[in-house]
């Protein structure tokens, strides 16, 4: 839990695999090796914490800055990740390439100090929506190009989007709507998309998905994903879980939030 000026952010979804890219699975090659790629592609600077992890410095300090967020889906940093995915996919047909992607809300929230962001909700909703729209469009390009380059598995996490902090109304408006749009945009792509349970569980509870359990018998969740074929959207369990007996399919089509 991170606390800033009385505001709590539950960052449990930022598990070690999502932060570092280390899946501890010899049959998976994960990119990128951090959770700051999208923020850096937008121009943010990072500093290293005492624990050795990158911490994103706030980039947006005035609400009017949110109307001018640049497109980053084809930035040099994103192109570099996509190129690495293509090289890894072409070099080894026996291993699956996994893309780790941050959801739109978390990308934006990581670039604004918490105390400012929470003040902006009531007064500057239009600016927040403009920023989320731009970020989502760039993520759609990033995701689409990564899958075309050979990413057979995509893990999507949106850790800053916490229902208990935002409340259901704000969660639906600022987080769920754009996350669902991102997922709708890749419907039909031949990839296995895994949605972090911190996002999938509340969306199921809100009626955004119907679910279906698929029996498996594998050493770990990632082992199970290796043997699945897209298009397939999964959730309700951490991607780094150990031995499991089923995976949960989140059924398309996706409605509005």
Protein backbone atom coordinates (compact mmCIF):
# COMPACT_ATOMS: atom_id res chain seq x y z
CA UNK A 1 0.00 0.00 0.00
CA UNK A 2 1.31 3.44 -0.98
CA UNK A 3 0.01 6.45 0.92
CA UNK A 4 0.22 10.07 -0.20
CA UNK A 5 -1.50 12.97 1.54
CA UNK A 6 -4.11 10.71 3.09
CA UNK A 7 -4.82 8.88 -0.21
CA UNK A 8 -4.20 5.18 -0.43
CA UNK A 9 -3.19 3.35 -3.59
CA UNK A 10 -3.38 -0.43 -3.51
CA UNK A 11 -0.48 -1.52 -5.70
CA UNK A 12 -0.77 -5.25 -4.98
CA UNK A 13 -1.29 -5.82 -8.69
CA UNK A 14 2.28 -4.66 -9.24
CA UNK A 15 3.61 -8.12 -8.47
CA UNK A 16 7.28 -8.88 -8.99
CA UNK A 17 6.71 -10.48 -12.37
CA UNK A 18 5.00 -7.35 -13.66
CA UNK A 19 7.68 -5.07 -12.21
CA UNK A 20 10.75 -6.96 -13.40
CA UNK A 21 9.68 -9.15 -16.30
CA UNK A 22 11.04 -12.23 -14.58
CA UNK A 23 8.35 -14.90 -14.98
CA UNK A 24 10.50 -17.72 -13.53
CA UNK A 25 9.25 -19.84 -16.42
CA UNK A 26 11.89 -21.10 -18.88
CA UNK A 27 9.31 -21.36 -21.66
CA UNK A 28 8.24 -17.71 -21.45
CA UNK A 29 10.15 -14.66 -22.69
CA UNK A 30 8.64 -11.48 -21.22
CA UNK A 31 8.90 -7.88 -22.43
CA UNK A 32 9.50 -5.22 -21.29
CA UNK A 33 11.68 -5.83 -18.22
CA UNK A 34 9.99 -3.05 -16.20
CA UNK A 35 6.58 -1.44 -15.65
CA UNK A 36 7.65 2.07 -16.66
CA UNK A 37 7.84 1.74 -20.46
CA UNK A 38 4.60 3.57 -21.22
CA UNK A 39 5.44 6.40 -18.82
CA UNK A 40 8.91 6.80 -20.29
CA UNK A 41 7.47 6.75 -23.81
CA UNK A 42 5.40 9.77 -22.76
CA UNK A 43 8.53 11.57 -21.56
CA UNK A 44 8.56 10.78 -17.84
CA UNK A 45 11.79 10.47 -15.87
CA UNK A 46 12.37 7.74 -13.31
CA UNK A 47 14.55 7.42 -10.27
CA UNK A 48 15.76 4.29 -8.51
CA UNK A 49 14.31 3.49 -5.10
CA UNK A 50 16.31 2.16 -2.16
CA UNK A 51 15.04 -1.29 -3.09
CA UNK A 52 16.44 -0.98 -6.60
CA UNK A 53 13.14 -0.42 -8.44
CA UNK A 54 12.29 2.39 -10.81
CA UNK A 55 9.94 5.08 -9.48
CA UNK A 56 8.16 7.33 -11.97
CA UNK A 57 8.43 11.06 -11.35
CA UNK A 58 5.20 13.05 -11.92
CA UNK A 59 5.08 14.49 -15.43
CA UNK A 60 1.80 16.42 -15.45
CA UNK A 61 1.42 19.19 -12.90
CA UNK A 62 -1.37 21.29 -14.44
CA UNK A 63 -4.74 19.97 -15.68
CA UNK A 64 -4.46 21.73 -19.04
CA UNK A 65 -1.41 19.56 -19.78
CA UNK A 66 -3.75 16.57 -20.06
CA UNK A 67 -5.21 17.96 -23.29
CA UNK A 68 -1.82 17.75 -25.01
CA UNK A 69 -0.60 14.24 -24.26
CA UNK A 70 1.42 13.05 -27.25
CA UNK A 71 0.78 9.79 -29.07
CA UNK A 72 3.37 7.21 -28.07
CA UNK A 73 2.24 4.02 -29.79
CA UNK A 74 4.94 4.41 -32.41
CA UNK A 75 7.60 6.12 -30.32
CA UNK A 76 11.18 4.88 -30.48
CA UNK A 77 10.90 3.24 -27.07
CA UNK A 78 7.77 1.31 -28.05
CA UNK A 79 9.29 0.38 -31.41
CA UNK A 80 12.28 -1.02 -29.53
CA UNK A 81 10.05 -3.27 -27.41
CA UNK A 82 8.13 -4.45 -30.49
CA UNK A 83 11.41 -5.16 -32.29
CA UNK A 84 12.64 -7.26 -29.34
CA UNK A 85 9.36 -9.19 -29.38
CA UNK A 86 9.80 -9.89 -33.08
CA UNK A 87 13.38 -11.07 -32.63
CA UNK A 88 12.52 -13.32 -29.68
CA UNK A 89 9.52 -14.77 -31.48
CA UNK A 90 11.53 -15.53 -34.59
CA UNK A 91 14.49 -16.99 -32.70
CA UNK A 92 12.55 -19.59 -30.71
CA UNK A 93 9.35 -21.28 -31.83
CA UNK A 94 9.33 -23.39 -28.65
CA UNK A 95 9.03 -20.43 -26.29
CA UNK A 96 6.10 -18.06 -25.98
CA UNK A 97 6.61 -14.30 -25.91
CA UNK A 98 4.66 -12.40 -23.27
CA UNK A 99 3.95 -8.66 -23.38
CA UNK A 100 3.31 -6.90 -20.04
CA UNK A 101 0.99 -3.94 -20.53
CA UNK A 102 -0.30 -1.30 -18.12
CA UNK A 103 -3.94 -0.26 -18.37
CA UNK A 104 -4.85 3.30 -19.46
CA UNK A 105 -5.85 4.54 -16.00
CA UNK A 106 -2.62 3.32 -14.40
CA UNK A 107 -0.47 4.90 -17.09
CA UNK A 108 -2.08 8.28 -16.41
CA UNK A 109 -2.22 7.91 -12.63
CA UNK A 110 1.49 7.10 -12.51
CA UNK A 111 2.26 10.46 -14.15
CA UNK A 112 0.32 12.70 -11.75
CA UNK A 113 0.91 13.07 -8.02
CA UNK A 114 -1.97 11.40 -6.11
CA UNK A 115 -3.04 14.52 -4.22
CA UNK A 116 -3.37 16.46 -7.48
CA UNK A 117 -5.09 13.68 -9.38
CA UNK A 118 -7.83 13.29 -6.80
CA UNK A 119 -8.52 17.03 -6.82
CA UNK A 120 -8.86 17.02 -10.59
CA UNK A 121 -11.69 14.46 -10.70
CA UNK A 122 -14.43 16.90 -9.76
CA UNK A 123 -13.15 20.02 -11.54
CA UNK A 124 -11.35 18.74 -14.63
CA UNK A 125 -13.19 15.63 -15.81
CA UNK A 126 -12.95 16.71 -19.45
CA UNK A 127 -9.17 16.95 -19.20
CA UNK A 128 -8.88 13.52 -17.58
CA UNK A 129 -11.04 11.97 -20.29
CA UNK A 130 -8.96 13.63 -23.01
CA UNK A 131 -5.81 12.17 -21.49
CA UNK A 132 -7.29 8.69 -21.09
CA UNK A 133 -8.57 8.75 -24.66
CA UNK A 134 -5.13 9.63 -26.00
CA UNK A 135 -3.35 7.04 -23.84
CA UNK A 136 -5.81 4.32 -24.80
CA UNK A 137 -5.31 5.04 -28.50
CA UNK A 138 -1.54 4.70 -28.09
CA UNK A 139 -1.89 1.49 -26.09
CA UNK A 140 -4.10 0.06 -28.83
CA UNK A 141 -1.31 0.64 -31.36
CA UNK A 142 1.35 -0.74 -28.99
CA UNK A 143 -0.71 -3.84 -28.29
CA UNK A 144 -1.67 -4.43 -31.90
CA UNK A 145 1.91 -4.15 -33.16
CA UNK A 146 3.24 -6.37 -30.36
CA UNK A 147 0.79 -9.15 -31.17
CA UNK A 148 1.55 -8.87 -34.88
CA UNK A 149 5.28 -9.10 -34.01
CA UNK A 150 4.77 -12.38 -32.18
CA UNK A 151 3.51 -11.74 -28.63
CA UNK A 152 1.38 -14.84 -28.08
CA UNK A 153 0.43 -13.88 -24.51
CA UNK A 154 -0.42 -10.42 -23.18
CA UNK A 155 -0.71 -9.68 -19.46
CA UNK A 156 -2.72 -6.52 -18.76
CA UNK A 157 -2.57 -4.95 -15.29
CA UNK A 158 -4.25 -1.74 -14.09
CA UNK A 159 -3.03 -1.54 -10.47
CA UNK A 160 -3.84 2.09 -9.76
CA UNK A 161 -7.51 1.46 -10.61
CA UNK A 162 -8.84 0.35 -7.24
CA UNK A 163 -12.61 0.28 -6.77
CA UNK A 164 -12.38 0.70 -3.00
CA UNK A 165 -10.37 3.91 -3.50
CA UNK A 166 -12.18 5.36 -6.52
CA UNK A 167 -15.71 4.16 -5.75
CA UNK A 168 -17.78 2.31 -8.33
CA UNK A 169 -18.96 5.40 -10.23
CA UNK A 170 -15.48 6.82 -10.79
CA UNK A 171 -14.03 3.37 -11.44
CA UNK A 172 -16.56 2.73 -14.21
CA UNK A 173 -16.06 6.18 -15.73
CA UNK A 174 -12.30 6.60 -15.58
CA UNK A 175 -10.89 3.06 -15.44
CA UNK A 176 -13.30 0.38 -16.66
CA UNK A 177 -14.53 2.27 -19.72
CA UNK A 178 -11.05 2.69 -21.18
CA UNK A 179 -9.80 -0.75 -20.18
CA UNK A 180 -12.81 -2.37 -21.88
CA UNK A 181 -12.22 -0.22 -24.95
CA UNK A 182 -8.63 -1.44 -25.10
CA UNK A 183 -9.76 -5.06 -24.87
CA UNK A 184 -12.52 -4.60 -27.44
CA UNK A 185 -9.94 -3.18 -29.84
CA UNK A 186 -8.02 -6.46 -29.99
CA UNK A 187 -11.02 -8.78 -30.18
CA UNK A 188 -10.24 -11.49 -32.70
CA UNK A 189 -6.46 -11.14 -32.46
CA UNK A 190 -4.71 -14.51 -32.20
CA UNK A 191 -3.28 -13.98 -28.74
CA UNK A 192 -4.09 -15.10 -25.22
CA UNK A 193 -4.94 -11.98 -23.22
CA UNK A 194 -4.72 -12.26 -19.44
CA UNK A 195 -6.39 -9.58 -17.32
CA UNK A 196 -5.07 -9.15 -13.79
CA UNK A 197 -7.67 -10.26 -11.19
CA UNK A 198 -7.52 -6.81 -9.57
CA UNK A 199 -9.35 -5.68 -12.72
CA UNK A 200 -11.20 -8.76 -13.93
CA UNK A 201 -12.94 -9.57 -10.64
CA UNK A 202 -14.66 -6.17 -10.24
CA UNK A 203 -15.57 -6.13 -13.93
CA UNK A 204 -17.20 -9.54 -13.56
CA UNK A 205 -19.04 -8.29 -10.48
CA UNK A 206 -20.30 -5.29 -12.47
CA UNK A 207 -21.67 -7.62 -15.17
CA UNK A 208 -19.14 -6.63 -17.83
CA UNK A 209 -18.14 -10.26 -18.45
CA UNK A 210 -19.66 -13.70 -18.36
CA UNK A 211 -17.19 -16.36 -17.24
CA UNK A 212 -16.47 -19.95 -18.12
CA UNK A 213 -13.99 -22.25 -16.39
CA UNK A 214 -11.69 -24.28 -18.64
CA UNK A 215 -10.17 -27.40 -17.00
CA UNK A 216 -6.36 -27.67 -17.22
CA UNK A 217 -3.68 -29.81 -15.63
CA UNK A 218 -0.43 -27.89 -15.54
CA UNK A 219 2.38 -27.09 -13.14
CA UNK A 220 1.53 -23.39 -13.16
CA UNK A 221 -0.82 -20.81 -14.65
CA UNK A 222 1.82 -19.76 -17.16
CA UNK A 223 2.31 -23.38 -18.21
CA UNK A 224 -1.42 -23.53 -18.89
CA UNK A 225 -1.29 -20.36 -20.98
CA UNK A 226 1.47 -21.78 -23.16
CA UNK A 227 -0.94 -24.48 -24.34
CA UNK A 228 -3.87 -22.13 -25.03
CA UNK A 229 -4.64 -20.56 -28.38
CA UNK A 230 -6.13 -17.15 -29.07
CA UNK A 231 -8.26 -15.28 -29.44
CA UNK A 232 -8.86 -15.89 -25.75
CA UNK A 233 -9.43 -13.52 -22.84
CA UNK A 234 -8.72 -14.84 -19.34
CA UNK A 235 -8.78 -13.47 -15.80
CA UNK A 236 -9.77 -13.90 -12.13
CA UNK A 237 -6.44 -15.45 -11.16
CA UNK A 238 -2.89 -14.12 -10.90
CA UNK A 239 -0.83 -14.99 -13.96
CA UNK A 240 2.02 -16.04 -11.65
CA UNK A 241 -0.09 -18.60 -9.74
CA UNK A 242 1.30 -22.06 -9.09
CA UNK A 243 -0.39 -25.36 -9.89
CA UNK A 244 -4.01 -24.93 -10.99
CA UNK A 245 -6.86 -27.13 -12.19
CA UNK A 246 -8.72 -24.53 -14.29
CA UNK A 247 -8.45 -21.15 -15.99
CA UNK A 248 -11.32 -18.68 -16.34
CA UNK A 249 -12.39 -17.38 -19.70
CA UNK A 250 -13.92 -13.89 -19.81
CA UNK A 251 -16.49 -14.08 -22.53
CA UNK A 252 -16.64 -11.69 -25.49
CA UNK A 253 -18.34 -9.49 -26.62
CA UNK A 254 -17.46 -6.79 -24.12
CA UNK A 255 -20.23 -4.33 -23.25
CA UNK A 256 -19.77 -0.73 -22.23
CA UNK A 257 -18.72 -0.15 -18.63
